[in-house]
Amino acid sequence: MSNSAINSFIVQIEDKQLLLTPLWPMGFEQVQRCKEWFEHSAIKAGTLAYGADRVELGLNFANEVFTFCYEDYSESFWVTADSAGGAMLLSELAKEFSNLEIR
């Protein structure tokens, strides 16, 4: 199995957010390049911000805004809906995340 182009997340839907579990370990350096993950999907990547332990990326999907987050300390990934309309689209967004090809 190659890590260069495979489906990469198990996705659980929670209240106003997606909890993401990667299928293999991902380091902070790889997550810093996360804008590339969305190049061939219906999700459009926006502004990337990161610090010593955290990455946040603004996303747009079906005209709604979301925030993709990664915390290195806990090795946690999640996506939050920034509006009630976004929360209604979480199941569709979950499908998109399940099909991402991480390089």
Protein backbone atom coordinates (compact mmCIF):
# COMPACT_ATOMS: atom_id res chain seq x y z
CA MET A 1 0.00 0.00 0.00
CA SER A 2 1.47 3.36 -1.03
CA ASN A 3 1.04 6.43 1.14
CA SER A 4 1.32 8.69 -1.90
CA ALA A 5 -2.25 8.39 -3.17
CA ILE A 6 -4.77 6.58 -1.02
CA ASN A 7 -7.91 7.39 0.90
CA SER A 8 -6.63 8.66 4.19
CA PHE A 9 -9.23 9.38 6.89
CA ILE A 10 -11.90 7.56 8.83
CA VAL A 11 -14.53 10.24 9.45
CA GLN A 12 -16.99 10.49 12.34
CA ILE A 13 -19.71 13.13 12.44
CA GLU A 14 -20.20 14.92 15.75
CA ASP A 15 -22.23 18.01 16.62
CA LYS A 16 -21.03 20.73 14.20
CA GLN A 17 -17.77 18.96 13.47
CA LEU A 18 -16.05 16.01 11.83
CA LEU A 19 -13.56 13.96 13.81
CA LEU A 20 -10.85 12.61 11.50
CA THR A 21 -8.70 9.56 12.17
CA PRO A 22 -5.83 9.10 9.70
CA LEU A 23 -5.26 5.59 8.39
CA TRP A 24 -1.53 5.98 8.95
CA PRO A 25 0.56 8.32 11.14
CA MET A 26 1.09 11.81 9.77
CA GLY A 27 3.72 14.18 11.06
CA PHE A 28 3.44 17.91 11.57
CA GLU A 29 5.61 18.58 8.50
CA GLN A 30 3.21 16.64 6.26
CA VAL A 31 0.17 18.42 7.70
CA GLN A 32 1.80 21.80 7.01
CA ARG A 33 1.43 20.93 3.30
CA CYS A 34 -2.29 20.11 3.69
CA LYS A 35 -3.47 22.66 1.11
CA GLU A 36 -2.21 20.21 -1.53
CA TRP A 37 -4.65 17.54 -0.27
CA PHE A 38 -7.63 19.49 -1.59
CA GLU A 39 -6.35 20.25 -5.12
CA HIS A 40 -8.44 17.51 -6.77
CA SER A 41 -11.54 17.64 -4.59
CA ALA A 42 -14.74 19.67 -4.35
CA ILE A 43 -13.29 21.27 -1.20
CA LYS A 44 -11.49 24.55 -1.81
CA ALA A 45 -8.60 25.42 0.50
CA GLY A 46 -8.31 28.95 1.83
CA THR A 47 -5.98 30.57 4.30
CA LEU A 48 -3.44 28.41 6.13
CA ALA A 49 -2.22 29.36 9.59
CA TYR A 50 0.10 27.38 11.80
CA GLY A 51 2.14 27.73 14.92
CA ALA A 52 4.45 25.52 16.91
CA ASP A 53 1.83 22.83 17.58
CA ARG A 54 -1.23 23.55 15.45
CA VAL A 55 -2.35 23.90 11.84
CA GLU A 56 -5.62 25.57 10.80
CA LEU A 57 -6.88 25.79 7.24
CA GLY A 58 -9.99 27.60 6.08
CA LEU A 59 -12.11 25.52 3.70
CA ASN A 60 -15.03 26.24 1.42
CA PHE A 61 -17.44 23.50 0.40
CA ALA A 62 -20.83 24.02 -1.27
CA ASN A 63 -20.62 27.76 -0.49
CA GLU A 64 -20.19 27.15 3.24
CA VAL A 65 -17.11 27.84 5.36
CA PHE A 66 -15.32 25.26 7.50
CA THR A 67 -12.08 25.12 9.47
CA PHE A 68 -9.73 22.13 9.25
CA CYS A 69 -7.58 21.78 12.39
CA TYR A 70 -4.64 19.63 13.42
CA GLU A 71 -2.96 19.65 16.81
CA ASP A 72 0.46 18.00 16.91
CA TYR A 73 0.55 17.46 20.69
CA SER A 74 -2.56 15.25 20.68
CA GLU A 75 -2.16 14.18 17.01
CA SER A 76 -5.83 15.15 16.54
CA PHE A 77 -7.57 16.16 13.33
CA TRP A 78 -11.02 17.74 13.11
CA VAL A 79 -13.16 20.00 10.93
CA THR A 80 -15.65 22.48 12.35
CA ALA A 81 -18.64 23.97 10.56
CA ASP A 82 -18.59 27.75 10.86
CA SER A 83 -22.38 28.11 10.45
CA ALA A 84 -25.65 26.22 10.85
CA GLY A 85 -25.75 25.78 7.07
CA GLY A 86 -22.31 24.22 7.17
CA ALA A 87 -23.38 21.85 9.93
CA MET A 88 -26.16 20.58 7.63
CA LEU A 89 -23.50 19.67 5.02
CA LEU A 90 -21.24 17.65 7.33
CA SER A 91 -22.29 14.26 5.93
CA GLU A 92 -21.44 15.41 2.39
CA LEU A 93 -18.17 16.90 3.58
CA ALA A 94 -17.38 13.62 5.37
CA LYS A 95 -17.60 11.80 2.03
CA GLU A 96 -15.15 14.25 0.49
CA PHE A 97 -12.68 13.77 3.35
CA SER A 98 -12.99 9.99 3.09
CA ASN A 99 -11.92 10.24 -0.54
CA LEU A 100 -8.99 12.64 -0.16
CA GLU A 101 -5.71 11.47 -1.63
CA ILE A 102 -2.91 12.46 0.71
CA ARG A 103 0.50 12.90 -0.85
